[in-house]
Amino acid sequence: YLYPFGEALAGVLMIAGALIWIAAPVALFIGT
């Protein structure tokens, strides 16, 4: 249930180039 929210959140932050310290760990975790 959490996975889609994490993917969308990481994508939005990466588009903005903001809060990468949040986006990068989330994307790395769920991606791995």
Full PDB file with SEQRES, HELIX, SHEET, SSBOND, CRYST1, ORIGX, SCALE, CONECT and MASTER records, all heavy atoms in Angstrom:
SEQRES   1 A   32  TYR LEU TYR PRO PHE GLY GLU ALA LEU ALA GLY VAL LEU          
SEQRES   2 A   32  MET ILE ALA GLY ALA LEU ILE TRP ILE ALA ALA PRO VAL          
SEQRES   3 A   32  ALA LEU PHE ILE GLY THR                                      
HELIX    1 AA1 TYR A    3  ALA A   16  1                                  14    
HELIX    2 AA2 ILE A   20  GLY A   31  1                                  12    
CRYST1    1.000    1.000    1.000  90.00  90.00  90.00 P 1           1          
ORIGX1      1.000000  0.000000  0.000000        0.00000                         
ORIGX2      0.000000  1.000000  0.000000        0.00000                         
ORIGX3      0.000000  0.000000  1.000000        0.00000                         
SCALE1      1.000000  0.000000  0.000000        0.00000                         
SCALE2      0.000000  1.000000  0.000000        0.00000                         
SCALE3      0.000000  0.000000  1.000000        0.00000                         
ATOM      1  N   TYR A   1       0.820  -1.207   0.000  1.00  0.00           N  
ATOM      2  CA  TYR A   1       0.000   0.000   0.000  1.00  0.00           C  
ATOM      3  C   TYR A   1       0.862   1.268   0.000  1.00  0.00           C  
ATOM      4  O   TYR A   1       0.440   2.318  -0.485  1.00  0.00           O  
ATOM      5  CB  TYR A   1      -0.916   0.017   1.227  1.00  0.00           C  
ATOM      6  CG  TYR A   1      -1.957  -1.075   1.233  1.00  0.00           C  
ATOM      7  CD1 TYR A   1      -1.687  -2.320   1.806  1.00  0.00           C  
ATOM      8  CD2 TYR A   1      -3.209  -0.882   0.661  1.00  0.00           C  
ATOM      9  CE1 TYR A   1      -2.636  -3.333   1.811  1.00  0.00           C  
ATOM     10  CE2 TYR A   1      -4.173  -1.889   0.665  1.00  0.00           C  
ATOM     11  CZ  TYR A   1      -3.871  -3.117   1.242  1.00  0.00           C  
ATOM     12  OH  TYR A   1      -4.813  -4.113   1.240  1.00  0.00           O  
ATOM     13  N   LEU A   2       2.058   1.175   0.561  1.00  0.00           N  
ATOM     14  CA  LEU A   2       2.941   2.336   0.653  1.00  0.00           C  
ATOM     15  C   LEU A   2       3.758   2.566  -0.619  1.00  0.00           C  
ATOM     16  O   LEU A   2       4.111   3.708  -0.934  1.00  0.00           O  
ATOM     17  CB  LEU A   2       3.897   2.167   1.842  1.00  0.00           C  
ATOM     18  CG  LEU A   2       3.258   2.123   3.228  1.00  0.00           C  
ATOM     19  CD1 LEU A   2       4.323   1.822   4.286  1.00  0.00           C  
ATOM     20  CD2 LEU A   2       2.559   3.442   3.537  1.00  0.00           C  
ATOM     21  N   TYR A   3       4.040   1.497  -1.338  1.00  0.00           N  
ATOM     22  CA  TYR A   3       4.914   1.573  -2.514  1.00  0.00           C  
ATOM     23  C   TYR A   3       4.482   2.652  -3.508  1.00  0.00           C  
ATOM     24  O   TYR A   3       5.317   3.470  -3.937  1.00  0.00           O  
ATOM     25  CB  TYR A   3       4.973   0.204  -3.194  1.00  0.00           C  
ATOM     26  CG  TYR A   3       5.884   0.132  -4.399  1.00  0.00           C  
ATOM     27  CD1 TYR A   3       7.152  -0.431  -4.294  1.00  0.00           C  
ATOM     28  CD2 TYR A   3       5.487   0.610  -5.639  1.00  0.00           C  
ATOM     29  CE1 TYR A   3       7.986  -0.506  -5.401  1.00  0.00           C  
ATOM     30  CE2 TYR A   3       6.310   0.545  -6.738  1.00  0.00           C  
ATOM     31  CZ  TYR A   3       7.562  -0.015  -6.621  1.00  0.00           C  
ATOM     32  OH  TYR A   3       8.386  -0.073  -7.718  1.00  0.00           O  
ATOM     33  N   PRO A   4       3.210   2.707  -3.942  1.00  0.00           N  
ATOM     34  CA  PRO A   4       2.819   3.716  -4.937  1.00  0.00           C  
ATOM     35  C   PRO A   4       3.031   5.145  -4.457  1.00  0.00           C  
ATOM     36  O   PRO A   4       3.422   6.015  -5.236  1.00  0.00           O  
ATOM     37  CB  PRO A   4       1.326   3.435  -5.162  1.00  0.00           C  
ATOM     38  CG  PRO A   4       1.106   2.049  -4.688  1.00  0.00           C  
ATOM     39  CD  PRO A   4       2.064   1.855  -3.564  1.00  0.00           C  
ATOM     40  N   PHE A   5       2.778   5.383  -3.165  1.00  0.00           N  
ATOM     41  CA  PHE A   5       2.980   6.721  -2.617  1.00  0.00           C  
ATOM     42  C   PHE A   5       4.467   7.082  -2.623  1.00  0.00           C  
ATOM     43  O   PHE A   5       4.838   8.225  -2.929  1.00  0.00           O  
ATOM     44  CB  PHE A   5       2.418   6.799  -1.194  1.00  0.00           C  
ATOM     45  CG  PHE A   5       0.927   6.689  -1.120  1.00  0.00           C  
ATOM     46  CD1 PHE A   5       0.325   5.458  -0.904  1.00  0.00           C  
ATOM     47  CD2 PHE A   5       0.121   7.805  -1.272  1.00  0.00           C  
ATOM     48  CE1 PHE A   5      -1.054   5.342  -0.834  1.00  0.00           C  
ATOM     49  CE2 PHE A   5      -1.259   7.699  -1.209  1.00  0.00           C  
ATOM     50  CZ  PHE A   5      -1.853   6.473  -0.993  1.00  0.00           C  
ATOM     51  N   GLY A   6       5.311   6.112  -2.285  1.00  0.00           N  
ATOM     52  CA  GLY A   6       6.747   6.354  -2.286  1.00  0.00           C  
ATOM     53  C   GLY A   6       7.267   6.643  -3.679  1.00  0.00           C  
ATOM     54  O   GLY A   6       8.083   7.557  -3.876  1.00  0.00           O  
ATOM     55  N   GLU A   7       6.804   5.888  -4.664  1.00  0.00           N  
ATOM     56  CA  GLU A   7       7.248   6.094  -6.046  1.00  0.00           C  
ATOM     57  C   GLU A   7       6.816   7.462  -6.560  1.00  0.00           C  
ATOM     58  O   GLU A   7       7.614   8.188  -7.161  1.00  0.00           O  
ATOM     59  CB  GLU A   7       6.692   4.989  -6.941  1.00  0.00           C  
ATOM     60  CG  GLU A   7       7.151   5.092  -8.390  1.00  0.00           C  
ATOM     61  CD  GLU A   7       6.686   3.929  -9.231  1.00  0.00           C  
ATOM     62  OE1 GLU A   7       5.616   3.353  -8.925  1.00  0.00           O  
ATOM     63  OE2 GLU A   7       7.385   3.582 -10.202  1.00  0.00           O  
ATOM     64  N   ALA A   8       5.552   7.817  -6.323  1.00  0.00           N  
ATOM     65  CA  ALA A   8       5.046   9.107  -6.793  1.00  0.00           C  
ATOM     66  C   ALA A   8       5.748  10.267  -6.088  1.00  0.00           C  
ATOM     67  O   ALA A   8       6.103  11.271  -6.720  1.00  0.00           O  
ATOM     68  CB  ALA A   8       3.540   9.189  -6.585  1.00  0.00           C  
ATOM     69  N   LEU A   9       5.944  10.142  -4.768  1.00  0.00           N  
ATOM     70  CA  LEU A   9       6.608  11.191  -4.012  1.00  0.00           C  
ATOM     71  C   LEU A   9       8.030  11.413  -4.509  1.00  0.00           C  
ATOM     72  O   LEU A   9       8.455  12.553  -4.739  1.00  0.00           O  
ATOM     73  CB  LEU A   9       6.635  10.832  -2.527  1.00  0.00           C  
ATOM     74  CG  LEU A   9       7.463  11.770  -1.621  1.00  0.00           C  
ATOM     75  CD1 LEU A   9       6.857  13.169  -1.611  1.00  0.00           C  
ATOM     76  CD2 LEU A   9       7.562  11.199  -0.208  1.00  0.00           C  
ATOM     77  N   ALA A  10       8.783  10.326  -4.694  1.00  0.00           N  
ATOM     78  CA  ALA A  10      10.161  10.439  -5.177  1.00  0.00           C  
ATOM     79  C   ALA A  10      10.195  11.083  -6.555  1.00  0.00           C  
ATOM     80  O   ALA A  10      11.059  11.923  -6.847  1.00  0.00           O  
ATOM     81  CB  ALA A  10      10.817   9.061  -5.213  1.00  0.00           C  
ATOM     82  N   GLY A  11       9.239  10.710  -7.411  1.00  0.00           N  
ATOM     83  CA  GLY A  11       9.186  11.290  -8.753  1.00  0.00           C  
ATOM     84  C   GLY A  11       8.926  12.781  -8.724  1.00  0.00           C  
ATOM     85  O   GLY A  11       9.586  13.559  -9.434  1.00  0.00           O  
ATOM     86  N   VAL A  12       7.961  13.221  -7.902  1.00  0.00           N  
ATOM     87  CA  VAL A  12       7.640  14.647  -7.806  1.00  0.00           C  
ATOM     88  C   VAL A  12       8.840  15.441  -7.295  1.00  0.00           C  
ATOM     89  O   VAL A  12       9.178  16.506  -7.837  1.00  0.00           O  
ATOM     90  CB  VAL A  12       6.425  14.854  -6.873  1.00  0.00           C  
ATOM     91  CG1 VAL A  12       6.246  16.335  -6.550  1.00  0.00           C  
ATOM     92  CG2 VAL A  12       5.163  14.299  -7.519  1.00  0.00           C  
ATOM     93  N   LEU A  13       9.499  14.953  -6.261  1.00  0.00           N  
ATOM     94  CA  LEU A  13      10.649  15.667  -5.696  1.00  0.00           C  
ATOM     95  C   LEU A  13      11.806  15.718  -6.686  1.00  0.00           C  
ATOM     96  O   LEU A  13      12.524  16.726  -6.763  1.00  0.00           O  
ATOM     97  CB  LEU A  13      11.099  14.991  -4.397  1.00  0.00           C  
ATOM     98  CG  LEU A  13      10.100  15.067  -3.232  1.00  0.00           C  
ATOM     99  CD1 LEU A  13      10.654  14.323  -2.018  1.00  0.00           C  
ATOM    100  CD2 LEU A  13       9.788  16.510  -2.874  1.00  0.00           C  
ATOM    101  N   MET A  14      11.979  14.649  -7.476  1.00  0.00           N  
ATOM    102  CA  MET A  14      13.064  14.639  -8.465  1.00  0.00           C  
ATOM    103  C   MET A  14      12.767  15.574  -9.629  1.00  0.00           C  
ATOM    104  O   MET A  14      13.688  16.155 -10.211  1.00  0.00           O  
ATOM    105  CB  MET A  14      13.301  13.217  -8.952  1.00  0.00           C  
ATOM    106  CG  MET A  14      13.978  12.332  -7.921  1.00  0.00           C  
ATOM    107  SD  MET A  14      14.187  10.636  -8.473  1.00  0.00           S  
ATOM    108  CE  MET A  14      15.137   9.951  -7.111  1.00  0.00           C  
ATOM    109  N   ILE A  15      11.502  15.730  -9.990  1.00  0.00           N  
ATOM    110  CA  ILE A  15      11.153  16.710 -11.018  1.00  0.00           C  
ATOM    111  C   ILE A  15      11.533  18.110 -10.539  1.00  0.00           C  
ATOM    112  O   ILE A  15      12.093  18.921 -11.285  1.00  0.00           O  
ATOM    113  CB  ILE A  15       9.643  16.651 -11.340  1.00  0.00           C  
ATOM    114  CG1 ILE A  15       9.293  15.361 -12.077  1.00  0.00           C  
ATOM    115  CG2 ILE A  15       9.227  17.859 -12.193  1.00  0.00           C  
ATOM    116  CD1 ILE A  15       7.814  15.143 -12.301  1.00  0.00           C  
ATOM    117  N   ALA A  16      11.225  18.391  -9.276  1.00  0.00           N  
ATOM    118  CA  ALA A  16      11.523  19.709  -8.712  1.00  0.00           C  
ATOM    119  C   ALA A  16      12.995  19.871  -8.356  1.00  0.00           C  
ATOM    120  O   ALA A  16      13.472  20.998  -8.188  1.00  0.00           O  
ATOM    121  CB  ALA A  16      10.669  19.936  -7.463  1.00  0.00           C  
ATOM    122  N   GLY A  17      13.714  18.761  -8.214  1.00  0.00           N  
ATOM    123  CA  GLY A  17      15.098  18.841  -7.757  1.00  0.00           C  
ATOM    124  C   GLY A  17      15.171  19.286  -6.314  1.00  0.00           C  
ATOM    125  O   GLY A  17      16.143  19.908  -5.885  1.00  0.00           O  
ATOM    126  N   ALA A  18      14.124  18.947  -5.538  1.00  0.00           N  
ATOM    127  CA  ALA A  18      14.032  19.406  -4.143  1.00  0.00           C  
ATOM    128  C   ALA A  18      13.972  18.222  -3.191  1.00  0.00           C  
ATOM    129  O   ALA A  18      13.478  17.148  -3.549  1.00  0.00           O  
ATOM    130  CB  ALA A  18      12.784  20.276  -3.970  1.00  0.00           C  
ATOM    131  N   LEU A  19      14.467  18.436  -1.986  1.00  0.00           N  
ATOM    132  CA  LEU A  19      14.437  17.422  -0.930  1.00  0.00           C  
ATOM    133  C   LEU A  19      14.965  16.075  -1.436  1.00  0.00           C  
ATOM    134  O   LEU A  19      14.401  15.017  -1.161  1.00  0.00           O  
ATOM    135  CB  LEU A  19      13.008  17.260  -0.390  1.00  0.00           C  
ATOM    136  CG  LEU A  19      12.365  18.499   0.230  1.00  0.00           C  
ATOM    137  CD1 LEU A  19      10.930  18.190   0.659  1.00  0.00           C  
ATOM    138  CD2 LEU A  19      13.183  18.989   1.410  1.00  0.00           C  
ATOM    139  N   ILE A  20      16.069  16.130  -2.162  1.00  0.00           N  
ATOM    140  CA  ILE A  20      16.649  14.910  -2.710  1.00  0.00           C  
ATOM    141  C   ILE A  20      17.111  13.979  -1.598  1.00  0.00           C  
ATOM    142  O   ILE A  20      17.166  12.758  -1.780  1.00  0.00           O  
ATOM    143  CB  ILE A  20      17.824  15.261  -3.654  1.00  0.00           C  
ATOM    144  CG1 ILE A  20      17.299  16.082  -4.845  1.00  0.00           C  
ATOM    145  CG2 ILE A  20      18.513  14.007  -4.168  1.00  0.00           C  
ATOM    146  CD1 ILE A  20      16.205  15.386  -5.635  1.00  0.00           C  
ATOM    147  N   TRP A  21      17.404  14.540  -0.432  1.00  0.00           N  
ATOM    148  CA  TRP A  21      17.801  13.694   0.708  1.00  0.00           C  
ATOM    149  C   TRP A  21      16.652  12.801   1.167  1.00  0.00           C  
ATOM    150  O   TRP A  21      16.860  11.822   1.879  1.00  0.00           O  
ATOM    151  CB  TRP A  21      18.316  14.557   1.859  1.00  0.00           C  
ATOM    152  CG  TRP A  21      17.334  15.573   2.370  1.00  0.00           C  
ATOM    153  CD1 TRP A  21      17.136  16.833   1.898  1.00  0.00           C  
ATOM    154  CD2 TRP A  21      16.423  15.404   3.464  1.00  0.00           C  
ATOM    155  NE1 TRP A  21      16.145  17.478   2.613  1.00  0.00           N  
ATOM    156  CE2 TRP A  21      15.681  16.617   3.588  1.00  0.00           C  
ATOM    157  CE3 TRP A  21      16.145  14.368   4.349  1.00  0.00           C  
ATOM    158  CZ2 TRP A  21      14.710  16.801   4.540  1.00  0.00           C  
ATOM    159  CZ3 TRP A  21      15.172  14.557   5.320  1.00  0.00           C  
ATOM    160  CH2 TRP A  21      14.460  15.753   5.408  1.00  0.00           C  
ATOM    161  N   ILE A  22      15.422  13.134   0.755  1.00  0.00           N  
ATOM    162  CA  ILE A  22      14.274  12.255   0.993  1.00  0.00           C  
ATOM    163  C   ILE A  22      14.011  11.380  -0.229  1.00  0.00           C  
ATOM    164  O   ILE A  22      13.843  10.164  -0.121  1.00  0.00           O  
ATOM    165  CB  ILE A  22      13.005  13.076   1.314  1.00  0.00           C  
ATOM    166  CG1 ILE A  22      13.163  13.812   2.644  1.00  0.00           C  
ATOM    167  CG2 ILE A  22      11.770  12.165   1.355  1.00  0.00           C  
ATOM    168  CD1 ILE A  22      11.972  14.704   2.986  1.00  0.00           C  
ATOM    169  N   ALA A  23      13.983  12.001  -1.407  1.00  0.00           N  
ATOM    170  CA  ALA A  23      13.636  11.288  -2.636  1.00  0.00           C  
ATOM    171  C   ALA A  23      14.616  10.172  -2.967  1.00  0.00           C  
ATOM    172  O   ALA A  23      14.205   9.064  -3.339  1.00  0.00           O  
ATOM    173  CB  ALA A  23      13.560  12.275  -3.803  1.00  0.00           C  
ATOM    174  N   ALA A  24      15.912  10.438  -2.820  1.00  0.00           N  
ATOM    175  CA  ALA A  24      16.918   9.451  -3.226  1.00  0.00           C  
ATOM    176  C   ALA A  24      16.854   8.170  -2.389  1.00  0.00           C  
ATOM    177  O   ALA A  24      16.826   7.068  -2.953  1.00  0.00           O  
ATOM    178  CB  ALA A  24      18.314  10.078  -3.159  1.00  0.00           C  
ATOM    179  N   PRO A  25      16.827   8.262  -1.061  1.00  0.00           N  
ATOM    180  CA  PRO A  25      16.730   7.024  -0.279  1.00  0.00           C  
ATOM    181  C   PRO A  25      15.451   6.240  -0.542  1.00  0.00           C  
ATOM    182  O   PRO A  25      15.473   5.003  -0.596  1.00  0.00           O  
ATOM    183  CB  PRO A  25      16.781   7.515   1.177  1.00  0.00           C  
ATOM    184  CG  PRO A  25      17.456   8.832   1.113  1.00  0.00           C  
ATOM    185  CD  PRO A  25      17.016   9.434  -0.190  1.00  0.00           C  
ATOM    186  N   VAL A  26      14.321   6.948  -0.712  1.00  0.00           N  
ATOM    187  CA  VAL A  26      13.054   6.257  -0.994  1.00  0.00           C  
ATOM    188  C   VAL A  26      13.144   5.510  -2.317  1.00  0.00           C  
ATOM    189  O   VAL A  26      12.795   4.326  -2.409  1.00  0.00           O  
ATOM    190  CB  VAL A  26      11.882   7.259  -1.021  1.00  0.00           C  
ATOM    191  CG1 VAL A  26      10.615   6.593  -1.550  1.00  0.00           C  
ATOM    192  CG2 VAL A  26      11.627   7.826   0.372  1.00  0.00           C  
ATOM    193  N   ALA A  27      13.622   6.198  -3.356  1.00  0.00           N  
ATOM    194  CA  ALA A  27      13.719   5.576  -4.674  1.00  0.00           C  
ATOM    195  C   ALA A  27      14.721   4.424  -4.670  1.00  0.00           C  
ATOM    196  O   ALA A  27      14.485   3.375  -5.299  1.00  0.00           O  
ATOM    197  CB  ALA A  27      14.126   6.620  -5.713  1.00  0.00           C  
ATOM    198  N   LEU A  28      15.840   4.603  -3.971  1.00  0.00           N  
ATOM    199  CA  LEU A  28      16.855   3.551  -3.929  1.00  0.00           C  
ATOM    200  C   LEU A  28      16.324   2.314  -3.210  1.00  0.00           C  
ATOM    201  O   LEU A  28      16.541   1.179  -3.651  1.00  0.00           O  
ATOM    202  CB  LEU A  28      18.113   4.063  -3.222  1.00  0.00           C  
ATOM    203  CG  LEU A  28      19.285   3.083  -3.179  1.00  0.00           C  
ATOM    204  CD1 LEU A  28      19.764   2.744  -4.591  1.00  0.00           C  
ATOM    205  CD2 LEU A  28      20.435   3.675  -2.369  1.00  0.00           C  
ATOM    206  N   PHE A  29      15.593   2.535  -2.131  1.00  0.00           N  
ATOM    207  CA  PHE A  29      15.073   1.409  -1.357  1.00  0.00           C  
ATOM    208  C   PHE A  29      14.044   0.623  -2.155  1.00  0.00           C  
ATOM    209  O   PHE A  29      14.179  -0.594  -2.328  1.00  0.00           O  
ATOM    210  CB  PHE A  29      14.457   1.909  -0.041  1.00  0.00           C  
ATOM    211  CG  PHE A  29      13.888   0.801   0.803  1.00  0.00           C  
ATOM    212  CD1 PHE A  29      14.715   0.027   1.595  1.00  0.00           C  
ATOM    213  CD2 PHE A  29      12.522   0.535   0.794  1.00  0.00           C  
ATOM    214  CE1 PHE A  29      14.194  -1.006   2.373  1.00  0.00           C  
ATOM    215  CE2 PHE A  29      11.991  -0.491   1.563  1.00  0.00           C  
ATOM    216  CZ  PHE A  29      12.826  -1.262   2.355  1.00  0.00           C  
ATOM    217  N   ILE A  30      13.000   1.308  -2.638  1.00  0.00           N  
ATOM    218  CA  ILE A  30      11.937   0.572  -3.333  1.00  0.00           C  
ATOM    219  C   ILE A  30      12.430   0.027  -4.671  1.00  0.00           C  
ATOM    220  O   ILE A  30      11.995  -1.037  -5.122  1.00  0.00           O  
ATOM    221  CB  ILE A  30      10.678   1.443  -3.525  1.00  0.00           C  
ATOM    222  CG1 ILE A  30      10.953   2.651  -4.423  1.00  0.00           C  
ATOM    223  CG2 ILE A  30      10.125   1.881  -2.194  1.00  0.00           C  
ATOM    224  CD1 ILE A  30       9.720   3.511  -4.675  1.00  0.00           C  
ATOM    225  N   GLY A  31      13.370   0.738  -5.305  1.00  0.00           N  
ATOM    226  CA  GLY A  31      13.916   0.248  -6.569  1.00  0.00           C  
ATOM    227  C   GLY A  31      14.747  -1.008  -6.387  1.00  0.00           C  
ATOM    228  O   GLY A  31      14.657  -1.957  -7.164  1.00  0.00           O  
ATOM    229  N   THR A  32      15.571  -1.026  -5.335  1.00  0.00           N  
ATOM    230  CA  THR A  32      16.425  -2.184  -5.086  1.00  0.00           C  
ATOM    231  C   THR A  32      15.603  -3.404  -4.701  1.00  0.00           C  
ATOM    232  O   THR A  32      15.821  -4.503  -5.227  1.00  0.00           O  
ATOM    233  CB  THR A  32      17.438  -1.865  -3.970  1.00  0.00           C  
ATOM    234  OG1 THR A  32      18.231  -0.733  -4.340  1.00  0.00           O  
ATOM    235  CG2 THR A  32      18.367  -3.054  -3.733  1.00  0.00           C  
TER     236      THR A  32                                                      
MASTER        0    0    0    2    0    0    0    6  235    1    0    3          
END                                                                             
